[in-house]
Amino acid sequence: MKSPARLEAYQAEAAMALAAFRKGEDVEAFRLLERAHILGQPWSGPHSWTHWMMLRVGLRRRDAREIGGQLIRLAAGGALSVFGRLPTGNTGGANVSAEQPMPLPEDLAALCG
């Protein structure tokens, strides 16, 4: 569900993730990016930005699995947003299938429902 409140929540999570990334706090940045991914999936721009940042974390960690997974997601994620083919609650990391629905965190459920 697209809503102004959901987009605002996405922007807050994305800003915190970027701040953590800039401080070199990769674990926290990635955790926040997963939350941003859940919120930003309905919009192709935010969805793609989140995968771009996940790729950057993967590159900094030299994590080949994350790098490969994010390259694939970057190629298709924005288009899938346009067509609404996105699994609810999916955190977007390469550690989960790109098509796997996942439970929503309690604090995000009302925004994503």
PDB file of N, CA and C in Angstrom:
ATOM      1  N   MET A   1       0.836  -1.176   0.000  1.00  0.00           N
ATOM      2  CA  MET A   1       0.000   0.000   0.000  1.00  0.00           C
ATOM      3  C   MET A   1       0.885   1.245   0.000  1.00  0.00           C
ATOM      4  N   LYS A   2       0.695   2.098  -0.979  1.00  0.00           N
ATOM      5  CA  LYS A   2       1.418   3.364  -1.026  1.00  0.00           C
ATOM      6  C   LYS A   2       0.658   4.381  -0.184  1.00  0.00           C
ATOM      7  N   SER A   3       1.376   5.042   0.706  1.00  0.00           N
ATOM      8  CA  SER A   3       0.765   6.097   1.502  1.00  0.00           C
ATOM      9  C   SER A   3       1.841   7.116   1.858  1.00  0.00           C
ATOM     10  N   PRO A   4       1.439   8.357   2.107  1.00  0.00           N
ATOM     11  CA  PRO A   4       2.422   9.364   2.528  1.00  0.00           C
ATOM     12  C   PRO A   4       3.144   8.960   3.815  1.00  0.00           C
ATOM     13  N   ALA A   5       2.432   8.338   4.742  1.00  0.00           N
ATOM     14  CA  ALA A   5       3.063   7.924   5.998  1.00  0.00           C
ATOM     15  C   ALA A   5       4.121   6.845   5.757  1.00  0.00           C
ATOM     16  N   ARG A   6       3.834   5.919   4.853  1.00  0.00           N
ATOM     17  CA  ARG A   6       4.801   4.866   4.536  1.00  0.00           C
ATOM     18  C   ARG A   6       6.035   5.464   3.869  1.00  0.00           C
ATOM     19  N   LEU A   7       5.824   6.380   2.950  1.00  0.00           N
ATOM     20  CA  LEU A   7       6.961   7.022   2.285  1.00  0.00           C
ATOM     21  C   LEU A   7       7.795   7.825   3.285  1.00  0.00           C
ATOM     22  N   GLU A   8       7.139   8.507   4.195  1.00  0.00           N
ATOM     23  CA  GLU A   8       7.857   9.269   5.224  1.00  0.00           C
ATOM     24  C   GLU A   8       8.674   8.330   6.118  1.00  0.00           C
ATOM     25  N   ALA A   9       8.099   7.198   6.484  1.00  0.00           N
ATOM     26  CA  ALA A   9       8.827   6.212   7.292  1.00  0.00           C
ATOM     27  C   ALA A   9      10.023   5.665   6.519  1.00  0.00           C
ATOM     28  N   TYR A  10       9.817   5.409   5.211  1.00  0.00           N
ATOM     29  CA  TYR A  10      10.926   4.950   4.368  1.00  0.00           C
ATOM     30  C   TYR A  10      12.065   5.987   4.395  1.00  0.00           C
ATOM     31  N   GLN A  11      11.710   7.245   4.198  1.00  0.00           N
ATOM     32  CA  GLN A  11      12.724   8.298   4.148  1.00  0.00           C
ATOM     33  C   GLN A  11      13.494   8.395   5.464  1.00  0.00           C
ATOM     34  N   ALA A  12      12.819   8.205   6.583  1.00  0.00           N
ATOM     35  CA  ALA A  12      13.496   8.237   7.881  1.00  0.00           C
ATOM     36  C   ALA A  12      14.465   7.061   8.020  1.00  0.00           C
ATOM     37  N   GLU A  13      14.022   5.866   7.666  1.00  0.00           N
ATOM     38  CA  GLU A  13      14.896   4.690   7.742  1.00  0.00           C
ATOM     39  C   GLU A  13      16.090   4.836   6.798  1.00  0.00           C
ATOM     40  N   ALA A  14      15.831   5.329   5.598  1.00  0.00           N
ATOM     41  CA  ALA A  14      16.899   5.505   4.608  1.00  0.00           C
ATOM     42  C   ALA A  14      17.924   6.522   5.098  1.00  0.00           C
ATOM     43  N   ALA A  15      17.463   7.601   5.703  1.00  0.00           N
ATOM     44  CA  ALA A  15      18.383   8.621   6.214  1.00  0.00           C
ATOM     45  C   ALA A  15      19.244   8.066   7.342  1.00  0.00           C
ATOM     46  N   MET A  16      18.637   7.290   8.229  1.00  0.00           N
ATOM     47  CA  MET A  16      19.413   6.679   9.317  1.00  0.00           C
ATOM     48  C   MET A  16      20.411   5.661   8.763  1.00  0.00           C
ATOM     49  N   ALA A  17      19.996   4.917   7.756  1.00  0.00           N
ATOM     50  CA  ALA A  17      20.894   3.932   7.135  1.00  0.00           C
ATOM     51  C   ALA A  17      22.085   4.625   6.488  1.00  0.00           C
ATOM     52  N   LEU A  18      21.819   5.715   5.781  1.00  0.00           N
ATOM     53  CA  LEU A  18      22.907   6.451   5.132  1.00  0.00           C
ATOM     54  C   LEU A  18      23.865   7.023   6.170  1.00  0.00           C
ATOM     55  N   ALA A  19      23.334   7.548   7.262  1.00  0.00           N
ATOM     56  CA  ALA A  19      24.191   8.084   8.323  1.00  0.00           C
ATOM     57  C   ALA A  19      25.065   6.981   8.918  1.00  0.00           C
ATOM     58  N   ALA A  20      24.483   5.821   9.164  1.00  0.00           N
ATOM     59  CA  ALA A  20      25.258   4.700   9.705  1.00  0.00           C
ATOM     60  C   ALA A  20      26.327   4.250   8.705  1.00  0.00           C
ATOM     61  N   PHE A  21      25.953   4.195   7.423  1.00  0.00           N
ATOM     62  CA  PHE A  21      26.915   3.808   6.389  1.00  0.00           C
ATOM     63  C   PHE A  21      28.095   4.778   6.367  1.00  0.00           C
ATOM     64  N   ARG A  22      27.795   6.069   6.428  1.00  0.00           N
ATOM     65  CA  ARG A  22      28.861   7.082   6.389  1.00  0.00           C
ATOM     66  C   ARG A  22      29.789   6.994   7.596  1.00  0.00           C
ATOM     67  N   LYS A  23      29.278   6.486   8.722  1.00  0.00           N
ATOM     68  CA  LYS A  23      30.098   6.310   9.923  1.00  0.00           C
ATOM     69  C   LYS A  23      30.864   4.990   9.898  1.00  0.00           C
ATOM     70  N   GLY A  24      30.633   4.183   8.865  1.00  0.00           N
ATOM     71  CA  GLY A  24      31.297   2.879   8.779  1.00  0.00           C
ATOM     72  C   GLY A  24      30.626   1.806   9.598  1.00  0.00           C
ATOM     73  N   GLU A  25      29.406   2.057  10.033  1.00  0.00           N
ATOM     74  CA  GLU A  25      28.650   1.100  10.845  1.00  0.00           C
ATOM     75  C   GLU A  25      27.832   0.194   9.925  1.00  0.00           C
ATOM     76  N   ASP A  26      28.512  -0.737   9.281  1.00  0.00           N
ATOM     77  CA  ASP A  26      27.895  -1.550   8.240  1.00  0.00           C
ATOM     78  C   ASP A  26      26.767  -2.450   8.750  1.00  0.00           C
ATOM     79  N   VAL A  27      26.915  -3.026   9.922  1.00  0.00           N
ATOM     80  CA  VAL A  27      25.868  -3.910  10.452  1.00  0.00           C
ATOM     81  C   VAL A  27      24.593  -3.107  10.689  1.00  0.00           C
ATOM     82  N   GLU A  28      24.719  -1.958  11.334  1.00  0.00           N
ATOM     83  CA  GLU A  28      23.554  -1.110  11.593  1.00  0.00           C
ATOM     84  C   GLU A  28      22.987  -0.552  10.292  1.00  0.00           C
ATOM     85  N   ALA A  29      23.850  -0.148   9.391  1.00  0.00           N
ATOM     86  CA  ALA A  29      23.379   0.376   8.106  1.00  0.00           C
ATOM     87  C   ALA A  29      22.558  -0.683   7.380  1.00  0.00           C
ATOM     88  N   PHE A  30      23.040  -1.911   7.358  1.00  0.00           N
ATOM     89  CA  PHE A  30      22.321  -2.963   6.648  1.00  0.00           C
ATOM     90  C   PHE A  30      20.991  -3.279   7.319  1.00  0.00           C
ATOM     91  N   ARG A  31      20.964  -3.294   8.643  1.00  0.00           N
ATOM     92  CA  ARG A  31      19.717  -3.531   9.376  1.00  0.00           C
ATOM     93  C   ARG A  31      18.679  -2.469   9.013  1.00  0.00           C
ATOM     94  N   LEU A  32      19.106  -1.225   8.972  1.00  0.00           N
ATOM     95  CA  LEU A  32      18.205  -0.128   8.610  1.00  0.00           C
ATOM     96  C   LEU A  32      17.801  -0.199   7.139  1.00  0.00           C
ATOM     97  N   LEU A  33      18.704  -0.631   6.290  1.00  0.00           N
ATOM     98  CA  LEU A  33      18.371  -0.795   4.871  1.00  0.00           C
ATOM     99  C   LEU A  33      17.334  -1.895   4.672  1.00  0.00           C
ATOM    100  N   GLU A  34      17.403  -2.947   5.467  1.00  0.00           N
ATOM    101  CA  GLU A  34      16.381  -3.993   5.373  1.00  0.00           C
ATOM    102  C   GLU A  34      15.004  -3.424   5.707  1.00  0.00           C
ATOM    103  N   ARG A  35      14.933  -2.592   6.725  1.00  0.00           N
ATOM    104  CA  ARG A  35      13.665  -1.954   7.095  1.00  0.00           C
ATOM    105  C   ARG A  35      13.227  -0.983   6.001  1.00  0.00           C
ATOM    106  N   ALA A  36      14.175  -0.229   5.475  1.00  0.00           N
ATOM    107  CA  ALA A  36      13.847   0.692   4.374  1.00  0.00           C
ATOM    108  C   ALA A  36      13.346  -0.083   3.164  1.00  0.00           C
ATOM    109  N   HIS A  37      13.925  -1.241   2.900  1.00  0.00           N
ATOM    110  CA  HIS A  37      13.503  -2.059   1.768  1.00  0.00           C
ATOM    111  C   HIS A  37      12.043  -2.469   1.911  1.00  0.00           C
ATOM    112  N   ILE A  38      11.679  -2.935   3.096  1.00  0.00           N
ATOM    113  CA  ILE A  38      10.294  -3.333   3.342  1.00  0.00           C
ATOM    114  C   ILE A  38       9.354  -2.171   3.035  1.00  0.00           C
ATOM    115  N   LEU A  39       9.716  -0.995   3.504  1.00  0.00           N
ATOM    116  CA  LEU A  39       8.862   0.183   3.323  1.00  0.00           C
ATOM    117  C   LEU A  39       8.884   0.715   1.897  1.00  0.00           C
ATOM    118  N   GLY A  40      10.020   0.659   1.228  1.00  0.00           N
ATOM    119  CA  GLY A  40      10.184   1.307  -0.071  1.00  0.00           C
ATOM    120  C   GLY A  40       9.832   0.480  -1.286  1.00  0.00           C
ATOM    121  N   GLN A  41       9.480  -0.787  -1.089  1.00  0.00           N
ATOM    122  CA  GLN A  41       9.199  -1.660  -2.227  1.00  0.00           C
ATOM    123  C   GLN A  41       8.165  -1.121  -3.219  1.00  0.00           C
ATOM    124  N   PRO A  42       7.102  -0.452  -2.801  1.00  0.00           N
ATOM    125  CA  PRO A  42       6.098  -0.034  -3.795  1.00  0.00           C
ATOM    126  C   PRO A  42       6.576   1.036  -4.775  1.00  0.00           C
ATOM    127  N   TRP A  43       7.678   1.697  -4.481  1.00  0.00           N
ATOM    128  CA  TRP A  43       8.174   2.775  -5.341  1.00  0.00           C
ATOM    129  C   TRP A  43       9.491   2.336  -5.981  1.00  0.00           C
ATOM    130  N   SER A  44       9.583   2.431  -7.288  1.00  0.00           N
ATOM    131  CA  SER A  44      10.783   1.938  -7.966  1.00  0.00           C
ATOM    132  C   SER A  44      12.045   2.702  -7.565  1.00  0.00           C
ATOM    133  N   GLY A  45      11.972   4.000  -7.415  1.00  0.00           N
ATOM    134  CA  GLY A  45      13.158   4.775  -7.029  1.00  0.00           C
ATOM    135  C   GLY A  45      13.680   4.406  -5.653  1.00  0.00           C
ATOM    136  N   PRO A  46      12.845   4.516  -4.607  1.00  0.00           N
ATOM    137  CA  PRO A  46      13.306   4.113  -3.274  1.00  0.00           C
ATOM    138  C   PRO A  46      13.735   2.644  -3.205  1.00  0.00           C
ATOM    139  N   HIS A  47      13.000   1.782  -3.885  1.00  0.00           N
ATOM    140  CA  HIS A  47      13.345   0.359  -3.888  1.00  0.00           C
ATOM    141  C   HIS A  47      14.742   0.164  -4.475  1.00  0.00           C
ATOM    142  N   SER A  48      15.004   0.783  -5.602  1.00  0.00           N
ATOM    143  CA  SER A  48      16.311   0.644  -6.252  1.00  0.00           C
ATOM    144  C   SER A  48      17.420   1.278  -5.417  1.00  0.00           C
ATOM    145  N   TRP A  49      17.149   2.442  -4.797  1.00  0.00           N
ATOM    146  CA  TRP A  49      18.157   3.101  -3.961  1.00  0.00           C
ATOM    147  C   TRP A  49      18.571   2.186  -2.817  1.00  0.00           C
ATOM    148  N   THR A  50      17.592   1.518  -2.216  1.00  0.00           N
ATOM    149  CA  THR A  50      17.895   0.620  -1.098  1.00  0.00           C
ATOM    150  C   THR A  50      18.817  -0.507  -1.558  1.00  0.00           C
ATOM    151  N   HIS A  51      18.537  -1.085  -2.726  1.00  0.00           N
ATOM    152  CA  HIS A  51      19.419  -2.146  -3.232  1.00  0.00           C
ATOM    153  C   HIS A  51      20.800  -1.585  -3.579  1.00  0.00           C
ATOM    154  N   TRP A  52      20.876  -0.373  -4.090  1.00  0.00           N
ATOM    155  CA  TRP A  52      22.161   0.273  -4.381  1.00  0.00           C
ATOM    156  C   TRP A  52      22.977   0.386  -3.103  1.00  0.00           C
ATOM    157  N   MET A  53      22.334   0.821  -2.011  1.00  0.00           N
ATOM    158  CA  MET A  53      23.048   0.960  -0.745  1.00  0.00           C
ATOM    159  C   MET A  53      23.445  -0.400  -0.173  1.00  0.00           C
ATOM    160  N   MET A  54      22.601  -1.396  -0.347  1.00  0.00           N
ATOM    161  CA  MET A  54      22.967  -2.744   0.091  1.00  0.00           C
ATOM    162  C   MET A  54      24.176  -3.242  -0.690  1.00  0.00           C
ATOM    163  N   LEU A  55      24.217  -2.935  -1.968  1.00  0.00           N
ATOM    164  CA  LEU A  55      25.385  -3.274  -2.783  1.00  0.00           C
ATOM    165  C   LEU A  55      26.632  -2.592  -2.242  1.00  0.00           C
ATOM    166  N   ARG A  56      26.512  -1.332  -1.882  1.00  0.00           N
ATOM    167  CA  ARG A  56      27.667  -0.591  -1.351  1.00  0.00           C
ATOM    168  C   ARG A  56      28.166  -1.214  -0.046  1.00  0.00           C
ATOM    169  N   VAL A  57      27.251  -1.636   0.807  1.00  0.00           N
ATOM    170  CA  VAL A  57      27.654  -2.323   2.039  1.00  0.00           C
ATOM    171  C   VAL A  57      28.359  -3.631   1.678  1.00  0.00           C
ATOM    172  N   GLY A  58      27.793  -4.375   0.734  1.00  0.00           N
ATOM    173  CA  GLY A  58      28.415  -5.626   0.298  1.00  0.00           C
ATOM    174  C   GLY A  58      29.815  -5.412  -0.256  1.00  0.00           C
ATOM    175  N   LEU A  59      29.986  -4.361  -1.034  1.00  0.00           N
ATOM    176  CA  LEU A  59      31.312  -4.051  -1.586  1.00  0.00           C
ATOM    177  C   LEU A  59      32.295  -3.724  -0.475  1.00  0.00           C
ATOM    178  N   ARG A  60      31.864  -2.930   0.479  1.00  0.00           N
ATOM    179  CA  ARG A  60      32.766  -2.553   1.565  1.00  0.00           C
ATOM    180  C   ARG A  60      33.140  -3.757   2.415  1.00  0.00           C
ATOM    181  N   ARG A  61      32.228  -4.679   2.569  1.00  0.00           N
ATOM    182  CA  ARG A  61      32.492  -5.907   3.340  1.00  0.00           C
ATOM    183  C   ARG A  61      33.232  -6.962   2.511  1.00  0.00           C
ATOM    184  N   ARG A  62      33.313  -6.737   1.212  1.00  0.00           N
ATOM    185  CA  ARG A  62      33.881  -7.722   0.281  1.00  0.00           C
ATOM    186  C   ARG A  62      33.105  -9.042   0.360  1.00  0.00           C
ATOM    187  N   ASP A  63      31.781  -8.898   0.385  1.00  0.00           N
ATOM    188  CA  ASP A  63      30.866 -10.031   0.514  1.00  0.00           C
ATOM    189  C   ASP A  63      30.349 -10.387  -0.881  1.00  0.00           C
ATOM    190  N   ALA A  64      30.961 -11.410  -1.486  1.00  0.00           N
ATOM    191  CA  ALA A  64      30.633 -11.771  -2.867  1.00  0.00           C
ATOM    192  C   ALA A  64      29.164 -12.154  -3.032  1.00  0.00           C
ATOM    193  N   ARG A  65      28.608 -12.851  -2.051  1.00  0.00           N
ATOM    194  CA  ARG A  65      27.198 -13.257  -2.143  1.00  0.00           C
ATOM    195  C   ARG A  65      26.286 -12.028  -2.173  1.00  0.00           C
ATOM    196  N   GLU A  66      26.560 -11.079  -1.301  1.00  0.00           N
ATOM    197  CA  GLU A  66      25.722  -9.870  -1.251  1.00  0.00           C
ATOM    198  C   GLU A  66      25.893  -9.046  -2.524  1.00  0.00           C
ATOM    199  N   ILE A  67      27.096  -8.931  -2.993  1.00  0.00           N
ATOM    200  CA  ILE A  67      27.349  -8.166  -4.219  1.00  0.00           C
ATOM    201  C   ILE A  67      26.574  -8.768  -5.384  1.00  0.00           C
ATOM    202  N   GLY A  68      26.702 -10.076  -5.577  1.00  0.00           N
ATOM    203  CA  GLY A  68      25.992 -10.741  -6.670  1.00  0.00           C
ATOM    204  C   GLY A  68      24.483 -10.627  -6.530  1.00  0.00           C
ATOM    205  N   GLY A  69      23.997 -10.839  -5.317  1.00  0.00           N
ATOM    206  CA  GLY A  69      22.555 -10.751  -5.076  1.00  0.00           C
ATOM    207  C   GLY A  69      22.011  -9.360  -5.336  1.00  0.00           C
ATOM    208  N   GLN A  70      22.757  -8.350  -4.933  1.00  0.00           N
ATOM    209  CA  GLN A  70      22.283  -6.984  -5.128  1.00  0.00           C
ATOM    210  C   GLN A  70      22.363  -6.555  -6.590  1.00  0.00           C
ATOM    211  N   LEU A  71      23.337  -7.040  -7.318  1.00  0.00           N
ATOM    212  CA  LEU A  71      23.396  -6.723  -8.754  1.00  0.00           C
ATOM    213  C   LEU A  71      22.162  -7.264  -9.473  1.00  0.00           C
ATOM    214  N   ILE A  72      21.773  -8.482  -9.117  1.00  0.00           N
ATOM    215  CA  ILE A  72      20.569  -9.065  -9.719  1.00  0.00           C
ATOM    216  C   ILE A  72      19.336  -8.270  -9.315  1.00  0.00           C
ATOM    217  N   ARG A  73      19.235  -7.914  -8.044  1.00  0.00           N
ATOM    218  CA  ARG A  73      18.079  -7.166  -7.556  1.00  0.00           C
ATOM    219  C   ARG A  73      18.021  -5.772  -8.169  1.00  0.00           C
ATOM    220  N   LEU A  74      19.154  -5.162  -8.366  1.00  0.00           N
ATOM    221  CA  LEU A  74      19.170  -3.836  -9.012  1.00  0.00           C
ATOM    222  C   LEU A  74      18.661  -3.919 -10.447  1.00  0.00           C
ATOM    223  N   ALA A  75      18.982  -5.001 -11.108  1.00  0.00           N
ATOM    224  CA  ALA A  75      18.551  -5.164 -12.498  1.00  0.00           C
ATOM    225  C   ALA A  75      17.043  -5.332 -12.616  1.00  0.00           C
ATOM    226  N   ALA A  76      16.411  -5.916 -11.595  1.00  0.00           N
ATOM    227  CA  ALA A  76      14.986  -6.236 -11.718  1.00  0.00           C
ATOM    228  C   ALA A  76      14.078  -5.543 -10.709  1.00  0.00           C
ATOM    229  N   GLY A  77      14.612  -5.109  -9.578  1.00  0.00           N
ATOM    230  CA  GLY A  77      13.779  -4.604  -8.488  1.00  0.00           C
ATOM    231  C   GLY A  77      12.890  -3.431  -8.839  1.00  0.00           C
ATOM    232  N   GLY A  78      13.432  -2.442  -9.528  1.00  0.00           N
ATOM    233  CA  GLY A  78      12.628  -1.276  -9.892  1.00  0.00           C
ATOM    234  C   GLY A  78      11.458  -1.641 -10.784  1.00  0.00           C
ATOM    235  N   ALA A  79      11.711  -2.512 -11.746  1.00  0.00           N
ATOM    236  CA  ALA A  79      10.642  -2.932 -12.654  1.00  0.00           C
ATOM    237  C   ALA A  79       9.580  -3.721 -11.905  1.00  0.00           C
ATOM    238  N   LEU A  80       9.999  -4.556 -10.970  1.00  0.00           N
ATOM    239  CA  LEU A  80       9.025  -5.323 -10.196  1.00  0.00           C
ATOM    240  C   LEU A  80       8.154  -4.405  -9.345  1.00  0.00           C
ATOM    241  N   SER A  81       8.720  -3.295  -8.874  1.00  0.00           N
ATOM    242  CA  SER A  81       7.921  -2.316  -8.122  1.00  0.00           C
ATOM    243  C   SER A  81       6.810  -1.756  -8.992  1.00  0.00           C
ATOM    244  N   VAL A  82       7.144  -1.425 -10.222  1.00  0.00           N
ATOM    245  CA  VAL A  82       6.163  -0.852 -11.143  1.00  0.00           C
ATOM    246  C   VAL A  82       4.992  -1.806 -11.345  1.00  0.00           C
ATOM    247  N   PHE A  83       5.287  -3.095 -11.434  1.00  0.00           N
ATOM    248  CA  PHE A  83       4.246  -4.088 -11.694  1.00  0.00           C
ATOM    249  C   PHE A  83       3.643  -4.683 -10.421  1.00  0.00           C
ATOM    250  N   GLY A  84       4.100  -4.220  -9.262  1.00  0.00           N
ATOM    251  CA  GLY A  84       3.537  -4.680  -8.006  1.00  0.00           C
ATOM    252  C   GLY A  84       3.837  -6.119  -7.653  1.00  0.00           C
ATOM    253  N   ARG A  85       4.899  -6.662  -8.205  1.00  0.00           N
ATOM    254  CA  ARG A  85       5.269  -8.071  -7.960  1.00  0.00           C
ATOM    255  C   ARG A  85       6.340  -8.150  -6.875  1.00  0.00           C
ATOM    256  N   LEU A  86       5.950  -7.791  -5.659  1.00  0.00           N
ATOM    257  CA  LEU A  86       6.914  -7.762  -4.577  1.00  0.00           C
ATOM    258  C   LEU A  86       6.376  -8.508  -3.371  1.00  0.00           C
ATOM    259  N   PRO A  87       7.189  -9.357  -2.769  1.00  0.00           N
ATOM    260  CA  PRO A  87       6.732 -10.117  -1.611  1.00  0.00           C
ATOM    261  C   PRO A  87       6.703  -9.254  -0.350  1.00  0.00           C
ATOM    262  N   THR A  88       5.582  -9.254   0.304  1.00  0.00           N
ATOM    263  CA  THR A  88       5.406  -8.472   1.533  1.00  0.00           C
ATOM    264  C   THR A  88       6.453  -8.859   2.567  1.00  0.00           C
ATOM    265  N   GLY A  89       7.048  -7.866   3.193  1.00  0.00           N
ATOM    266  CA  GLY A  89       7.974  -8.084   4.288  1.00  0.00           C
ATOM    267  C   GLY A  89       9.376  -8.495   3.897  1.00  0.00           C
ATOM    268  N   ASN A  90       9.626  -8.731   2.614  1.00  0.00           N
ATOM    269  CA  ASN A  90      10.950  -9.181   2.185  1.00  0.00           C
ATOM    270  C   ASN A  90      11.986  -8.114   2.511  1.00  0.00           C
ATOM    271  N   THR A  91      13.075  -8.524   3.158  1.00  0.00           N
ATOM    272  CA  THR A  91      14.086  -7.583   3.628  1.00  0.00           C
ATOM    273  C   THR A  91      15.114  -7.192   2.570  1.00  0.00           C
ATOM    274  N   GLY A  92      15.158  -7.875   1.434  1.00  0.00           N
ATOM    275  CA  GLY A  92      15.963  -7.437   0.307  1.00  0.00           C
ATOM    276  C   GLY A  92      17.407  -7.863   0.267  1.00  0.00           C
ATOM    277  N   GLY A  93      17.901  -8.497   1.311  1.00  0.00           N
ATOM    278  CA  GLY A  93      19.291  -8.941   1.306  1.00  0.00           C
ATOM    279  C   GLY A  93      19.464 -10.220   0.507  1.00  0.00           C
ATOM    280  N   ALA A  94      20.692 -10.512   0.148  1.00  0.00           N
ATOM    281  CA  ALA A  94      20.980 -11.722  -0.628  1.00  0.00           C
ATOM    282  C   ALA A  94      20.833 -12.991   0.201  1.00  0.00           C
ATOM    283  N   ASN A  95      20.625 -12.844   1.503  1.00  0.00           N
ATOM    284  CA  ASN A  95      20.448 -14.006   2.374  1.00  0.00           C
ATOM    285  C   ASN A  95      19.031 -14.581   2.305  1.00  0.00           C
ATOM    286  N   VAL A  96      18.134 -13.913   1.574  1.00  0.00           N
ATOM    287  CA  VAL A  96      16.768 -14.416   1.398  1.00  0.00           C
ATOM    288  C   VAL A  96      16.409 -14.392  -0.084  1.00  0.00           C
ATOM    289  N   SER A  97      15.520 -15.284  -0.468  1.00  0.00           N
ATOM    290  CA  SER A  97      15.048 -15.294  -1.850  1.00  0.00           C
ATOM    291  C   SER A  97      14.356 -13.976  -2.163  1.00  0.00           C
ATOM    292  N   ALA A  98      14.585 -13.471  -3.349  1.00  0.00           N
ATOM    293  CA  ALA A  98      13.978 -12.201  -3.752  1.00  0.00           C
ATOM    294  C   ALA A  98      12.462 -12.286  -3.830  1.00  0.00           C
ATOM    295  N   GLU A  99      11.919 -13.497  -3.889  1.00  0.00           N
ATOM    296  CA  GLU A  99      10.476 -13.660  -4.015  1.00  0.00           C
ATOM    297  C   GLU A  99       9.825 -14.203  -2.743  1.00  0.00           C
ATOM    298  N   GLN A 100      10.577 -14.265  -1.644  1.00  0.00           N
ATOM    299  CA  GLN A 100      10.072 -14.847  -0.406  1.00  0.00           C
ATOM    300  C   GLN A 100       9.326 -13.831   0.450  1.00  0.00           C
ATOM    301  N   PRO A 101       8.017 -14.021   0.669  1.00  0.00           N
ATOM    302  CA  PRO A 101       7.310 -13.167   1.622  1.00  0.00           C
ATOM    303  C   PRO A 101       7.844 -13.438   3.026  1.00  0.00           C
ATOM    304  N   MET A 102       7.856 -12.421   3.853  1.00  0.00           N
ATOM    305  CA  MET A 102       8.358 -12.558   5.217  1.00  0.00           C
ATOM    306  C   MET A 102       7.414 -11.818   6.162  1.00  0.00           C
ATOM    307  N   PRO A 103       7.422 -12.210   7.433  1.00  0.00           N
ATOM    308  CA  PRO A 103       6.576 -11.494   8.391  1.00  0.00           C
ATOM    309  C   PRO A 103       7.034 -10.036   8.508  1.00  0.00           C
ATOM    310  N   LEU A 104       6.086  -9.157   8.640  1.00  0.00           N
ATOM    311  CA  LEU A 104       6.404  -7.739   8.816  1.00  0.00           C
ATOM    312  C   LEU A 104       6.802  -7.474  10.265  1.00  0.00           C
ATOM    313  N   PRO A 105       7.804  -6.635  10.489  1.00  0.00           N
ATOM    314  CA  PRO A 105       8.076  -6.198  11.860  1.00  0.00           C
ATOM    315  C   PRO A 105       6.822  -5.503  12.407  1.00  0.00           C
ATOM    316  N   GLU A 106       6.551  -5.718  13.681  1.00  0.00           N
ATOM    317  CA  GLU A 106       5.331  -5.170  14.275  1.00  0.00           C
ATOM    318  C   GLU A 106       5.166  -3.670  14.022  1.00  0.00           C
ATOM    319  N   ASP A 107       6.264  -2.935  14.176  1.00  0.00           N
ATOM    320  CA  ASP A 107       6.144  -1.478  14.051  1.00  0.00           C
ATOM    321  C   ASP A 107       5.941  -1.009  12.604  1.00  0.00           C
ATOM    322  N   LEU A 108       6.140  -1.879  11.645  1.00  0.00           N
ATOM    323  CA  LEU A 108       5.925  -1.503  10.239  1.00  0.00           C
ATOM    324  C   LEU A 108       4.620  -2.052   9.671  1.00  0.00           C
ATOM    325  N   ALA A 109       4.001  -2.978  10.375  1.00  0.00           N
ATOM    326  CA  ALA A 109       2.818  -3.673   9.854  1.00  0.00           C
ATOM    327  C   ALA A 109       1.690  -2.722   9.488  1.00  0.00           C
ATOM    328  N   ALA A 110       1.410  -1.744  10.320  1.00  0.00           N
ATOM    329  CA  ALA A 110       0.302  -0.820  10.042  1.00  0.00           C
ATOM    330  C   ALA A 110       0.573   0.012   8.787  1.00  0.00           C
ATOM    331  N   LEU A 111       1.834   0.327   8.535  1.00  0.00           N
ATOM    332  CA  LEU A 111       2.187   1.111   7.352  1.00  0.00           C
ATOM    333  C   LEU A 111       2.143   0.301   6.066  1.00  0.00           C
ATOM    334  N   CYS A 112       2.401  -1.002   6.175  1.00  0.00           N
ATOM    335  CA  CYS A 112       2.532  -1.858   5.006  1.00  0.00           C
ATOM    336  C   CYS A 112       1.284  -2.679   4.705  1.00  0.00           C
ATOM    337  N   GLY A 113       0.309  -2.627   5.584  1.00  0.00           N
ATOM    338  CA  GLY A 113      -0.869  -3.475   5.442  1.00  0.00           C
ATOM    339  C   GLY A 113      -1.880  -3.023   4.455  1.00  0.00           C
TER     340      GLY A 113
END
